[in-house]
Protein backbone atom coordinates (compact mmCIF):
# COMPACT_ATOMS: atom_id res chain seq x y z
CA THR A 1 20.53 64.47 11.55
CA TRP A 2 23.29 61.83 11.50
CA GLN A 3 21.60 59.21 13.65
CA ARG A 4 18.50 59.45 11.72
CA ASN A 5 19.99 58.95 8.32
CA GLN A 6 21.27 55.90 10.26
CA LEU A 7 17.92 54.52 11.42
CA ILE A 8 16.52 55.36 8.07
CA LYS A 9 19.46 53.39 6.21
CA ALA A 10 18.35 50.51 8.50
CA PHE A 11 15.15 50.15 7.10
CA GLU A 12 16.19 50.96 4.02
CA ARG A 13 18.28 47.40 4.33
CA PHE A 14 15.28 45.95 6.00
CA ASN A 15 13.23 46.71 2.54
CA LYS A 16 15.88 45.02 0.51
CA SER A 17 15.58 41.48 2.51
CA LYS A 18 14.42 38.50 1.01
CA ASP A 19 11.64 38.84 2.64
CA VAL A 20 10.20 42.12 1.43
CA THR A 21 11.48 41.56 -2.02
CA ARG A 22 9.26 38.17 -2.37
CA GLY A 23 6.62 39.77 -0.45
CA LYS A 24 6.45 38.28 2.66
CA ALA A 25 7.11 41.20 4.96
CA ALA A 26 5.84 44.41 3.96
CA ARG A 27 7.88 47.16 2.63
CA ILE A 28 8.66 50.08 5.24
CA GLU A 29 8.19 53.88 3.65
CA THR A 30 10.37 56.45 5.95
CA VAL A 31 9.84 59.63 5.69
CA SER A 32 12.43 62.23 7.41
CA LEU A 33 10.78 64.66 9.81
CA GLU A 34 12.26 68.11 10.61
CA SER A 35 11.15 68.85 13.78
CA ASN A 36 10.25 66.43 17.05
CA SER A 37 6.89 67.73 17.16
CA GLU A 38 3.90 65.19 16.67
CA THR A 39 2.57 68.04 14.67
CA ASP A 40 5.20 67.80 11.79
CA PRO A 41 2.98 68.98 8.44
CA ALA A 42 4.83 66.30 6.85
CA VAL A 43 3.08 63.59 9.06
CA ARG A 44 0.00 64.42 7.67
CA GLU A 45 1.34 65.32 4.17
CA ASN A 46 2.62 61.81 3.56
CA ASN A 47 0.01 59.69 5.33
CA CYS A 48 2.26 58.38 8.15
CA GLN A 49 0.75 55.62 10.36
CA PHE A 50 3.44 56.03 12.90
CA ILE A 51 6.27 58.41 14.46
CA LEU A 52 9.45 57.22 15.57
CA HIS A 53 11.28 59.57 17.93
CA THR A 54 14.94 58.51 18.97
CA ASN A 55 17.14 60.54 21.57
CA LEU A 56 20.97 59.90 21.78
CA THR A 57 21.27 59.93 25.54
CA GLU A 58 24.82 58.21 26.81
CA VAL A 59 27.96 58.22 25.11
CA LEU A 60 30.89 56.93 27.47
CA HIS A 61 34.15 56.81 26.24
CA SER A 62 36.60 54.63 27.85
CA GLY A 63 39.11 55.87 30.57
CA SER A 64 36.95 58.99 30.54
CA SER A 65 35.89 59.92 34.29
CA ASP A 66 32.28 60.67 33.89
CA ILE A 67 31.33 63.33 36.40
CA GLY A 68 27.92 64.59 35.67
CA THR A 69 24.44 64.00 35.96
CA ARG A 70 24.33 62.09 32.91
CA PRO A 71 21.78 58.66 33.27
CA ARG A 72 24.10 55.81 34.04
CA SER A 73 23.42 52.33 32.51
CA VAL A 74 22.90 49.19 34.87
CA GLN A 75 24.15 46.30 34.01
CA ILE A 76 22.62 42.84 34.61
CA GLY A 77 23.76 39.61 34.37
CA ASN A 78 27.32 40.00 33.91
CA PRO A 79 29.59 37.71 36.78
CA GLY A 80 31.69 40.69 38.48
CA GLY A 81 34.78 38.72 38.29
CA ASP A 82 34.47 38.33 34.11
CA PRO A 83 37.05 40.51 33.22
CA HIS A 84 35.72 40.14 29.24
CA SER A 85 32.37 40.59 30.81
CA ASN A 86 33.03 44.83 30.21
CA PRO A 87 36.53 45.50 29.00
CA SER A 88 37.67 48.62 30.56
CA ASP A 89 38.38 49.91 27.26
CA SER A 90 34.92 49.45 25.78
CA ASN A 91 32.79 52.91 24.95
CA SER A 92 29.26 52.90 25.84
CA ALA A 93 26.42 54.50 24.25
CA THR A 94 22.44 54.62 24.74
CA VAL A 95 19.54 55.60 22.38
CA GLU A 96 16.07 55.77 23.81
CA TYR A 97 12.89 55.74 21.21
CA ARG A 98 9.59 55.95 21.50
CA MET A 99 7.14 54.93 18.25
CA MET A 100 3.63 56.29 18.28
CA GLN A 101 0.69 56.05 15.96
CA ALA A 102 0.09 59.18 14.38
CA GLY A 103 -2.72 61.39 16.04
CA VAL A 104 -2.02 59.22 19.15
CA LEU A 105 0.10 61.05 21.88
CA GLU A 106 1.27 57.72 23.99
CA ALA A 107 3.77 55.74 23.41
CA TRP A 108 2.89 52.59 21.03
CA THR A 109 6.41 51.41 21.73
CA SER A 110 9.31 52.49 23.41
CA GLY A 111 12.73 51.70 25.01
CA ALA A 112 16.18 52.12 25.45
CA VAL A 113 19.16 50.18 23.98
CA THR A 114 22.52 50.29 25.61
CA THR A 115 25.87 48.83 23.76
CA HIS A 116 29.24 48.49 25.22
CA ASP A 117 32.24 47.69 22.54
CA GLN A 118 35.37 48.96 21.85
CA LEU A 119 34.18 50.70 18.04
CA PRO A 120 33.76 54.47 17.75
CA ASP A 121 31.31 56.21 18.33
CA GLU A 122 29.65 56.53 14.86
CA MET A 123 29.65 52.68 14.90
CA LEU A 124 28.39 52.29 18.40
CA ILE A 125 25.59 54.31 17.14
CA SER A 126 25.22 52.78 13.63
CA HIS A 127 24.73 49.75 15.85
CA LEU A 128 22.08 50.56 18.58
CA MET A 129 20.01 52.15 15.43
CA ASP A 130 20.27 48.88 13.57
CA GLN A 131 18.59 47.25 16.71
CA ILE A 132 15.85 49.96 16.86
CA ALA A 133 14.96 49.28 13.88
CA ASP A 134 14.64 45.49 14.46
CA ARG A 135 12.49 46.01 17.65
CA VAL A 136 10.32 48.33 15.71
CA ILE A 137 10.08 45.89 12.93
CA SER A 138 9.33 42.80 14.98
CA LYS A 139 6.69 45.30 17.02
CA LEU A 140 4.88 45.94 13.56
CA ARG A 141 5.05 42.35 12.16
CA GLU A 142 3.29 41.53 15.22
CA SER A 143 0.79 43.89 15.10
CA ARG A 144 -0.25 42.91 11.75
C-alpha cells in the first residue's frame, strides 16, 4: 500500500506541472485498486483505460550477505576499477512494472527500474516510483 501511495503521489506531482496546468499535457487520473486482479470492479466503475502493476522484486542492504534465491541485478557500463561506480555502503532496490490497457491481458509497456544509493529503503523506493511514473507518462504522451 505504501508503495502504491508513493506512485500515486508521483502522478499527482506530474498533474501539478506547468504543462498540465497550461493545458499542454493531459491530466492523469489515478485510481487505487485494492486487488492485483485485472478484473477489479474499480476498473470498470471508474472507466479506467490503463492498469499499472508494480512489484518490488529486490531490496539489498549494504553489508548484508545476500544468500537466497532473489534475482540479482546486472550492471552494465560501470568500469570495474571505479570505486565510485557502486560504493560498498550503498543499498539497492528494484521494482518491476507492467501496464496494460483495460480489457487486454498482454502488457502495453513493461520494464524494471533499479537504483543504488546510500539512501534508506523508503527513499530508494520513492525514487523508483518517480522513475516508473516518468516512464509511464512518456509512453502515454508518445501514444497520443
